[in-house]
Amino acid sequence: MPGGEVSELVARTARPAGLTAWAERARDCADVTVDDPGGTASSTLTVAPGPVVPGAETLSYRQVLTLPGQPPEVAGLRLRTVAIAADDVLVVLRDAGDTGLDLTALAVAAWSHAGPRLGH
């Protein structure tokens, strides 16, 4: 896609995702800076309310990665993630870059389409 790419995972899993715990862990790691011989990399993460899906846990967050050697005028790699989970069904969509897509609406549509087929 112009400006980025979208990846999607729709799966049944024997180990259900705890998206509430995932969101809390993400909040704990909101700003990370790593210094190594290759330079300094930083990650800034913003957790937002996930979509409203009855009976499911949801998660939504945005992450900006700044890599070593990246020119200061470049904003960094932007990642958006939306996840929906209930029982043993998990849907995760990630947008890398700036696709301009409504990732929340796409995740809800994927959930509505795939969830019943996977037994939820």
N, C-alpha and C. Protein backbone atom coordinates (compact mmCIF):
# COMPACT_ATOMS: atom_id res chain seq x y z
N MET A 1 0.85 -1.18 0.00
CA MET A 1 0.00 0.00 0.00
C MET A 1 0.89 1.23 0.00
N PRO A 2 0.47 2.28 -0.68
CA PRO A 2 1.25 3.52 -0.63
C PRO A 2 1.37 4.01 0.81
N GLY A 3 2.59 4.32 1.25
CA GLY A 3 2.80 4.89 2.57
C GLY A 3 2.97 3.87 3.69
N GLY A 4 2.74 2.58 3.44
CA GLY A 4 2.88 1.60 4.52
C GLY A 4 2.36 0.25 4.12
N GLU A 5 2.16 -0.59 5.12
CA GLU A 5 1.62 -1.92 4.87
C GLU A 5 0.79 -2.34 6.07
N VAL A 6 -0.12 -3.28 5.84
CA VAL A 6 -0.98 -3.79 6.90
C VAL A 6 -0.77 -5.29 7.00
N SER A 7 -0.59 -5.78 8.23
CA SER A 7 -0.52 -7.21 8.44
C SER A 7 -1.69 -7.61 9.33
N GLU A 8 -2.13 -8.85 9.18
CA GLU A 8 -3.31 -9.32 9.90
C GLU A 8 -3.08 -10.73 10.37
N LEU A 9 -3.52 -11.02 11.59
CA LEU A 9 -3.50 -12.36 12.13
C LEU A 9 -4.90 -12.67 12.65
N VAL A 10 -5.49 -13.73 12.18
CA VAL A 10 -6.78 -14.22 12.68
C VAL A 10 -6.55 -15.68 13.02
N ALA A 11 -6.67 -16.03 14.30
CA ALA A 11 -6.28 -17.38 14.68
C ALA A 11 -7.07 -17.90 15.87
N ARG A 12 -7.08 -19.22 15.97
CA ARG A 12 -7.52 -19.89 17.19
C ARG A 12 -6.25 -20.23 17.94
N THR A 13 -6.27 -20.08 19.24
CA THR A 13 -5.07 -20.35 20.02
C THR A 13 -5.44 -21.08 21.30
N ALA A 14 -4.64 -22.06 21.66
CA ALA A 14 -4.88 -22.79 22.90
C ALA A 14 -4.51 -21.94 24.11
N ARG A 15 -3.72 -20.90 23.87
CA ARG A 15 -3.32 -19.99 24.94
C ARG A 15 -3.90 -18.62 24.63
N PRO A 16 -5.09 -18.33 25.13
CA PRO A 16 -5.74 -17.06 24.79
C PRO A 16 -4.92 -15.84 25.23
N ALA A 17 -5.01 -14.83 24.43
CA ALA A 17 -4.30 -13.58 24.73
C ALA A 17 -5.00 -12.85 25.87
N GLY A 18 -4.24 -12.35 26.82
CA GLY A 18 -4.80 -11.51 27.87
C GLY A 18 -4.54 -10.07 27.48
N LEU A 19 -5.44 -9.49 26.70
CA LEU A 19 -5.19 -8.16 26.16
C LEU A 19 -5.18 -7.09 27.24
N THR A 20 -5.89 -7.30 28.34
CA THR A 20 -5.84 -6.32 29.43
C THR A 20 -4.43 -6.29 30.01
N ALA A 21 -3.84 -7.46 30.22
CA ALA A 21 -2.46 -7.52 30.72
C ALA A 21 -1.48 -6.97 29.70
N TRP A 22 -1.74 -7.23 28.41
CA TRP A 22 -0.89 -6.72 27.33
C TRP A 22 -0.90 -5.19 27.35
N ALA A 23 -2.08 -4.61 27.51
CA ALA A 23 -2.18 -3.14 27.55
C ALA A 23 -1.45 -2.58 28.76
N GLU A 24 -1.57 -3.22 29.91
CA GLU A 24 -0.87 -2.75 31.11
C GLU A 24 0.64 -2.84 30.92
N ARG A 25 1.10 -3.91 30.33
CA ARG A 25 2.54 -4.08 30.07
C ARG A 25 3.02 -3.02 29.09
N ALA A 26 2.21 -2.74 28.08
CA ALA A 26 2.57 -1.70 27.11
C ALA A 26 2.70 -0.35 27.81
N ARG A 27 1.79 -0.05 28.73
CA ARG A 27 1.87 1.21 29.47
C ARG A 27 3.16 1.31 30.28
N ASP A 28 3.61 0.16 30.83
CA ASP A 28 4.85 0.14 31.61
C ASP A 28 6.07 0.45 30.74
N CYS A 29 5.98 0.14 29.44
CA CYS A 29 7.11 0.32 28.52
C CYS A 29 6.83 1.45 27.52
N ALA A 30 6.14 2.48 27.97
CA ALA A 30 5.70 3.53 27.05
C ALA A 30 6.86 4.26 26.38
N ASP A 31 7.91 4.55 27.11
CA ASP A 31 9.06 5.25 26.53
C ASP A 31 10.32 4.46 26.85
N VAL A 32 10.98 3.96 25.81
CA VAL A 32 12.17 3.15 25.98
C VAL A 32 13.27 3.72 25.09
N THR A 33 14.46 3.88 25.66
CA THR A 33 15.62 4.29 24.88
C THR A 33 16.70 3.23 25.09
N VAL A 34 17.29 2.78 23.99
CA VAL A 34 18.32 1.75 24.05
C VAL A 34 19.59 2.33 23.45
N ASP A 35 20.66 2.30 24.21
CA ASP A 35 21.98 2.71 23.71
C ASP A 35 22.79 1.45 23.45
N ASP A 36 23.31 1.34 22.23
CA ASP A 36 24.19 0.23 21.90
C ASP A 36 25.25 0.75 20.94
N PRO A 37 26.21 -0.09 20.57
CA PRO A 37 27.27 0.40 19.68
C PRO A 37 26.76 0.97 18.35
N GLY A 38 25.57 0.54 17.91
CA GLY A 38 25.02 1.02 16.65
C GLY A 38 24.35 2.38 16.76
N GLY A 39 24.16 2.87 17.96
CA GLY A 39 23.51 4.17 18.16
C GLY A 39 22.37 4.05 19.14
N THR A 40 21.61 5.12 19.26
CA THR A 40 20.50 5.17 20.21
C THR A 40 19.18 4.97 19.48
N ALA A 41 18.40 4.02 19.94
CA ALA A 41 17.07 3.78 19.39
C ALA A 41 16.05 4.07 20.49
N SER A 42 14.94 4.66 20.11
CA SER A 42 13.90 4.93 21.11
C SER A 42 12.55 4.50 20.57
N SER A 43 11.67 4.17 21.50
CA SER A 43 10.31 3.75 21.19
C SER A 43 9.37 4.49 22.11
N THR A 44 8.37 5.14 21.52
CA THR A 44 7.33 5.81 22.29
C THR A 44 6.01 5.13 21.94
N LEU A 45 5.29 4.71 22.97
CA LEU A 45 4.07 3.96 22.76
C LEU A 45 2.91 4.65 23.47
N THR A 46 1.79 4.76 22.78
CA THR A 46 0.58 5.36 23.35
C THR A 46 -0.55 4.34 23.26
N VAL A 47 -1.07 3.94 24.43
CA VAL A 47 -2.19 3.00 24.48
C VAL A 47 -3.48 3.80 24.44
N ALA A 48 -4.39 3.40 23.58
CA ALA A 48 -5.69 4.08 23.44
C ALA A 48 -6.79 3.06 23.72
N PRO A 49 -8.00 3.53 23.97
CA PRO A 49 -9.10 2.57 24.15
C PRO A 49 -9.28 1.74 22.88
N GLY A 50 -9.48 0.45 23.06
CA GLY A 50 -9.72 -0.42 21.92
C GLY A 50 -11.16 -0.31 21.47
N PRO A 51 -11.49 -0.95 20.36
CA PRO A 51 -12.87 -0.91 19.87
C PRO A 51 -13.81 -1.60 20.87
N VAL A 52 -15.05 -1.21 20.84
CA VAL A 52 -16.05 -1.84 21.71
C VAL A 52 -16.60 -3.07 20.99
N VAL A 53 -16.30 -4.23 21.55
CA VAL A 53 -16.77 -5.50 20.99
C VAL A 53 -17.36 -6.30 22.15
N PRO A 54 -18.68 -6.49 22.18
CA PRO A 54 -19.30 -7.20 23.30
C PRO A 54 -18.68 -8.58 23.53
N GLY A 55 -18.32 -8.85 24.78
CA GLY A 55 -17.79 -10.15 25.16
C GLY A 55 -16.34 -10.38 24.83
N ALA A 56 -15.62 -9.36 24.38
CA ALA A 56 -14.22 -9.53 23.99
C ALA A 56 -13.34 -8.49 24.67
N GLU A 57 -12.08 -8.85 24.85
CA GLU A 57 -11.07 -7.88 25.28
C GLU A 57 -10.52 -7.22 24.02
N THR A 58 -10.20 -5.94 24.12
CA THR A 58 -9.64 -5.25 22.95
C THR A 58 -8.44 -4.41 23.37
N LEU A 59 -7.62 -4.10 22.41
CA LEU A 59 -6.41 -3.32 22.64
C LEU A 59 -6.15 -2.47 21.41
N SER A 60 -5.68 -1.26 21.63
CA SER A 60 -5.28 -0.38 20.54
C SER A 60 -4.09 0.43 21.01
N TYR A 61 -3.03 0.45 20.22
CA TYR A 61 -1.90 1.31 20.58
C TYR A 61 -1.15 1.77 19.35
N ARG A 62 -0.44 2.88 19.54
CA ARG A 62 0.42 3.45 18.50
C ARG A 62 1.83 3.47 19.04
N GLN A 63 2.78 3.15 18.18
CA GLN A 63 4.18 3.13 18.57
C GLN A 63 4.98 3.88 17.51
N VAL A 64 5.92 4.69 17.97
CA VAL A 64 6.84 5.37 17.06
C VAL A 64 8.25 4.92 17.42
N LEU A 65 8.95 4.36 16.44
CA LEU A 65 10.32 3.90 16.62
C LEU A 65 11.27 4.86 15.94
N THR A 66 12.25 5.33 16.68
CA THR A 66 13.31 6.16 16.12
C THR A 66 14.58 5.33 16.15
N LEU A 67 15.18 5.14 15.00
CA LEU A 67 16.30 4.23 14.85
C LEU A 67 17.63 4.97 14.79
N PRO A 68 18.73 4.27 15.12
CA PRO A 68 20.05 4.90 15.04
C PRO A 68 20.33 5.43 13.63
N GLY A 69 20.90 6.61 13.56
CA GLY A 69 21.27 7.19 12.27
C GLY A 69 20.12 7.82 11.50
N GLN A 70 18.94 7.80 12.08
CA GLN A 70 17.77 8.37 11.40
C GLN A 70 17.87 9.89 11.42
N PRO A 71 17.68 10.54 10.27
CA PRO A 71 17.75 12.01 10.25
C PRO A 71 16.70 12.62 11.17
N PRO A 72 17.04 13.70 11.87
CA PRO A 72 16.11 14.31 12.81
C PRO A 72 14.80 14.77 12.18
N GLU A 73 14.82 15.09 10.90
CA GLU A 73 13.58 15.57 10.25
C GLU A 73 12.61 14.44 9.92
N VAL A 74 13.06 13.19 10.04
CA VAL A 74 12.19 12.04 9.79
C VAL A 74 11.53 11.66 11.12
N ALA A 75 10.21 11.54 11.10
CA ALA A 75 9.46 11.33 12.34
C ALA A 75 9.65 9.96 12.97
N GLY A 76 10.09 8.98 12.24
CA GLY A 76 10.26 7.64 12.78
C GLY A 76 9.25 6.68 12.17
N LEU A 77 9.46 5.40 12.42
CA LEU A 77 8.55 4.38 11.93
C LEU A 77 7.33 4.37 12.81
N ARG A 78 6.16 4.50 12.21
CA ARG A 78 4.90 4.51 12.95
C ARG A 78 4.20 3.17 12.80
N LEU A 79 3.85 2.58 13.93
CA LEU A 79 3.13 1.32 13.94
C LEU A 79 1.83 1.51 14.71
N ARG A 80 0.74 1.01 14.15
CA ARG A 80 -0.53 1.01 14.88
C ARG A 80 -0.96 -0.44 15.00
N THR A 81 -1.50 -0.81 16.15
CA THR A 81 -1.95 -2.17 16.38
C THR A 81 -3.33 -2.14 17.02
N VAL A 82 -4.22 -2.99 16.53
CA VAL A 82 -5.54 -3.20 17.14
C VAL A 82 -5.71 -4.70 17.28
N ALA A 83 -6.10 -5.14 18.48
CA ALA A 83 -6.30 -6.57 18.72
C ALA A 83 -7.65 -6.79 19.40
N ILE A 84 -8.27 -7.92 19.09
CA ILE A 84 -9.54 -8.33 19.69
C ILE A 84 -9.39 -9.80 20.06
N ALA A 85 -9.78 -10.16 21.30
CA ALA A 85 -9.66 -11.55 21.73
C ALA A 85 -10.84 -11.93 22.62
N ALA A 86 -11.29 -13.16 22.46
CA ALA A 86 -12.29 -13.76 23.34
C ALA A 86 -12.14 -15.27 23.23
N ASP A 87 -12.23 -15.94 24.36
CA ASP A 87 -12.05 -17.38 24.41
C ASP A 87 -10.74 -17.74 23.71
N ASP A 88 -10.79 -18.53 22.66
CA ASP A 88 -9.56 -18.94 21.99
C ASP A 88 -9.41 -18.32 20.60
N VAL A 89 -10.11 -17.22 20.35
CA VAL A 89 -10.04 -16.54 19.05
C VAL A 89 -9.31 -15.20 19.22
N LEU A 90 -8.37 -14.94 18.33
CA LEU A 90 -7.56 -13.72 18.39
C LEU A 90 -7.47 -13.10 17.01
N VAL A 91 -7.73 -11.79 16.93
CA VAL A 91 -7.55 -11.02 15.71
C VAL A 91 -6.58 -9.89 16.02
N VAL A 92 -5.52 -9.77 15.24
CA VAL A 92 -4.55 -8.68 15.42
C VAL A 92 -4.30 -8.04 14.05
N LEU A 93 -4.45 -6.73 13.98
CA LEU A 93 -4.11 -5.99 12.77
C LEU A 93 -3.03 -4.98 13.12
N ARG A 94 -2.05 -4.84 12.25
CA ARG A 94 -0.98 -3.88 12.46
C ARG A 94 -0.76 -3.11 11.17
N ASP A 95 -0.63 -1.81 11.32
CA ASP A 95 -0.40 -0.90 10.21
C ASP A 95 1.00 -0.32 10.41
N ALA A 96 1.91 -0.61 9.49
CA ALA A 96 3.26 -0.06 9.55
C ALA A 96 3.37 1.05 8.52
N GLY A 97 3.56 2.25 8.98
CA GLY A 97 3.64 3.39 8.08
C GLY A 97 2.39 4.22 8.19
N ASP A 98 2.01 4.84 7.12
CA ASP A 98 0.82 5.69 7.12
C ASP A 98 -0.06 5.29 5.96
N THR A 99 -0.90 4.27 6.18
CA THR A 99 -1.77 3.79 5.12
C THR A 99 -3.04 4.61 5.02
N GLY A 100 -3.39 5.32 6.09
CA GLY A 100 -4.62 6.10 6.10
C GLY A 100 -5.87 5.25 6.32
N LEU A 101 -5.69 3.96 6.60
CA LEU A 101 -6.84 3.07 6.82
C LEU A 101 -7.37 3.21 8.23
N ASP A 102 -8.65 2.96 8.42
CA ASP A 102 -9.25 2.93 9.74
C ASP A 102 -9.03 1.53 10.30
N LEU A 103 -7.93 1.36 11.01
CA LEU A 103 -7.54 0.05 11.50
C LEU A 103 -8.55 -0.52 12.48
N THR A 104 -9.18 0.34 13.27
CA THR A 104 -10.19 -0.13 14.23
C THR A 104 -11.37 -0.73 13.49
N ALA A 105 -11.88 -0.04 12.48
CA ALA A 105 -13.01 -0.56 11.70
C ALA A 105 -12.63 -1.86 11.00
N LEU A 106 -11.41 -1.95 10.48
CA LEU A 106 -10.97 -3.18 9.82
C LEU A 106 -10.88 -4.34 10.80
N ALA A 107 -10.39 -4.08 12.02
CA ALA A 107 -10.29 -5.14 13.03
C ALA A 107 -11.67 -5.65 13.43
N VAL A 108 -12.61 -4.74 13.63
CA VAL A 108 -13.97 -5.13 14.00
C VAL A 108 -14.61 -5.93 12.86
N ALA A 109 -14.38 -5.51 11.62
CA ALA A 109 -14.92 -6.25 10.48
C ALA A 109 -14.30 -7.64 10.39
N ALA A 110 -12.99 -7.74 10.62
CA ALA A 110 -12.33 -9.05 10.59
C ALA A 110 -12.88 -9.94 11.70
N TRP A 111 -13.10 -9.35 12.88
CA TRP A 111 -13.67 -10.10 14.01
C TRP A 111 -15.07 -10.60 13.66
N SER A 112 -15.88 -9.73 13.11
CA SER A 112 -17.26 -10.09 12.77
C SER A 112 -17.30 -11.18 11.71
N HIS A 113 -16.35 -11.14 10.79
CA HIS A 113 -16.31 -12.11 9.70
C HIS A 113 -15.70 -13.44 10.15
N ALA A 114 -14.56 -13.38 10.87
CA ALA A 114 -13.83 -14.60 11.19
C ALA A 114 -14.27 -15.24 12.50
N GLY A 115 -14.68 -14.44 13.49
CA GLY A 115 -15.02 -14.99 14.79
C GLY A 115 -16.03 -16.13 14.73
N PRO A 116 -17.15 -15.95 14.07
CA PRO A 116 -18.14 -17.05 14.01
C PRO A 116 -17.59 -18.30 13.29
N ARG A 117 -16.75 -18.09 12.30
CA ARG A 117 -16.18 -19.23 11.57
C ARG A 117 -15.18 -20.01 12.41
N LEU A 118 -14.58 -19.32 13.41
CA LEU A 118 -13.62 -19.98 14.28
C LEU A 118 -14.27 -20.49 15.56
N GLY A 119 -15.58 -20.36 15.65
CA GLY A 119 -16.28 -20.92 16.79
C GLY A 119 -16.55 -19.94 17.92
N HIS A 120 -16.40 -18.66 17.65
CA HIS A 120 -16.75 -17.68 18.68
C HIS A 120 -17.97 -16.90 18.22
